[in-house]
Amino acid sequence: MISFETARDIAFAYREVETGEKLLADLDKAKERYTAPDIRDAFGRRQDGLTLGVPSGDSSRTMYQVSWSLAVPVVEAHIANARARIAALCEKAAAEMTHPDTVGGPAA
């Protein structure tokens, strides 16, 4: 059986790909119209760039309004990284299916 952690990590990586692809589609639509993307936050406020950072804690760091021109390569790299992670996790899942004793005992 595939471990909970592996299944969860695969799901999270797929979510990152899906989110990144939606953002790229929004950016591509805006580029076709030669306008700034109309991307809004949860409160409906228009965002003029990305916010990148470590969200909380003593070591929190945040950059606001990172240019949309930088967004495309950053999001594309993030998607590629998530896909590579999915591939590696699928290999791990296959190993867990082949060798169930390494996950939590013999298969039932």
Protein backbone atom coordinates (compact mmCIF):
# COMPACT_ATOMS: atom_id res chain seq x y z
CA MET A 1 0.00 0.00 0.00
CA ILE A 2 1.17 3.55 -0.67
CA SER A 3 1.94 5.48 2.50
CA PHE A 4 -0.25 8.38 3.54
CA GLU A 5 2.71 10.76 3.29
CA THR A 6 3.49 9.73 -0.30
CA ALA A 7 -0.15 10.03 -1.38
CA ARG A 8 -0.45 13.44 0.31
CA ASP A 9 2.78 14.70 -1.26
CA ILE A 10 1.59 13.59 -4.71
CA ALA A 11 -1.74 15.39 -4.20
CA PHE A 12 0.00 18.59 -3.05
CA ALA A 13 2.35 18.52 -6.03
CA TYR A 14 -0.57 18.09 -8.44
CA ARG A 15 -2.31 21.03 -6.73
CA GLU A 16 0.77 23.19 -7.35
CA VAL A 17 0.79 22.23 -11.04
CA GLU A 18 -2.93 23.01 -11.36
CA THR A 19 -2.60 26.36 -9.58
CA GLY A 20 0.45 27.32 -11.63
CA GLU A 21 -1.21 26.41 -14.92
CA LYS A 22 -4.27 28.53 -14.06
CA LEU A 23 -2.03 31.49 -13.22
CA LEU A 24 -0.10 31.05 -16.48
CA ALA A 25 -3.37 30.95 -18.43
CA ASP A 26 -4.45 34.24 -16.79
CA LEU A 27 -1.10 35.82 -17.60
CA ASP A 28 -1.27 34.57 -21.19
CA LYS A 29 -4.75 36.03 -21.69
CA ALA A 30 -3.54 39.40 -20.43
CA LYS A 31 -0.52 39.27 -22.73
CA GLU A 32 -2.80 38.69 -25.74
CA ARG A 33 -4.70 41.88 -24.85
CA TYR A 34 -1.48 43.81 -24.03
CA THR A 35 -2.87 44.72 -20.64
CA ALA A 36 -1.78 44.10 -17.09
CA PRO A 37 -3.34 40.89 -15.74
CA ASP A 38 -6.57 41.38 -13.85
CA ILE A 39 -5.72 39.01 -11.02
CA ARG A 40 -7.45 39.64 -7.72
CA ASP A 41 -6.87 38.50 -4.18
CA ALA A 42 -9.46 36.79 -1.95
CA PHE A 43 -10.95 40.20 -1.12
CA GLY A 44 -11.42 41.20 -4.77
CA ARG A 45 -8.53 43.68 -4.79
CA ARG A 46 -6.52 43.83 -8.00
CA GLN A 47 -2.92 42.69 -7.62
CA ASP A 48 -0.15 44.41 -9.55
CA GLY A 49 2.36 41.62 -9.10
CA LEU A 50 3.26 38.48 -7.21
CA THR A 51 3.90 38.30 -3.50
CA LEU A 52 6.76 35.95 -2.67
CA GLY A 53 8.08 35.10 0.73
CA VAL A 54 8.25 33.08 3.89
CA PRO A 55 4.79 33.68 5.36
CA SER A 56 5.30 33.84 9.12
CA GLY A 57 7.57 33.53 12.10
CA ASP A 58 10.66 35.33 13.27
CA SER A 59 12.38 34.72 9.94
CA SER A 60 9.50 35.87 7.74
CA ARG A 61 10.51 37.75 4.62
CA THR A 62 8.16 39.02 1.93
CA MET A 63 8.60 40.74 -1.41
CA TYR A 64 5.53 42.56 -2.69
CA GLN A 65 4.53 43.42 -6.25
CA VAL A 66 7.13 41.26 -7.97
CA SER A 67 6.78 42.21 -11.64
CA TRP A 68 4.42 40.18 -13.83
CA SER A 69 7.23 39.91 -16.40
CA LEU A 70 9.14 37.86 -13.82
CA ALA A 71 6.05 35.84 -12.97
CA VAL A 72 5.98 33.69 -16.11
CA PRO A 73 9.49 32.19 -15.77
CA VAL A 74 9.06 31.78 -12.00
CA VAL A 75 5.69 30.01 -12.37
CA GLU A 76 6.97 27.84 -15.26
CA ALA A 77 9.97 26.79 -13.16
CA HIS A 78 7.68 26.04 -10.22
CA ILE A 79 5.44 23.87 -12.41
CA ALA A 80 8.47 22.01 -13.81
CA ASN A 81 9.74 21.43 -10.28
CA ALA A 82 6.33 20.12 -9.15
CA ARG A 83 6.16 17.76 -12.14
CA ALA A 84 9.63 16.43 -11.36
CA ARG A 85 8.51 15.90 -7.78
CA ILE A 86 5.43 14.00 -9.01
CA ALA A 87 7.63 11.74 -11.14
CA ALA A 88 9.91 11.00 -8.19
CA LEU A 89 6.95 10.41 -5.87
CA CYS A 90 5.36 8.03 -8.39
CA GLU A 91 8.60 6.03 -8.36
CA LYS A 92 8.44 5.99 -4.57
CA ALA A 93 4.79 4.90 -4.67
CA ALA A 94 5.64 2.07 -7.08
CA ALA A 95 8.38 0.93 -4.71
CA GLU A 96 5.95 1.05 -1.79
CA MET A 97 3.49 -1.10 -3.76
CA THR A 98 6.24 -3.58 -4.68
CA HIS A 99 7.70 -3.75 -1.18
CA PRO A 100 4.77 -3.22 1.23
CA ASP A 101 6.85 -4.31 4.22
CA THR A 102 8.82 -1.07 3.98
CA VAL A 103 5.69 1.06 4.56
CA GLY A 104 3.84 -0.50 7.45
CA GLY A 105 4.09 -4.22 7.38
CA PRO A 106 2.98 -6.87 4.91
CA ALA A 107 0.03 -6.24 2.64
CA ALA A 108 -3.26 -7.62 3.87
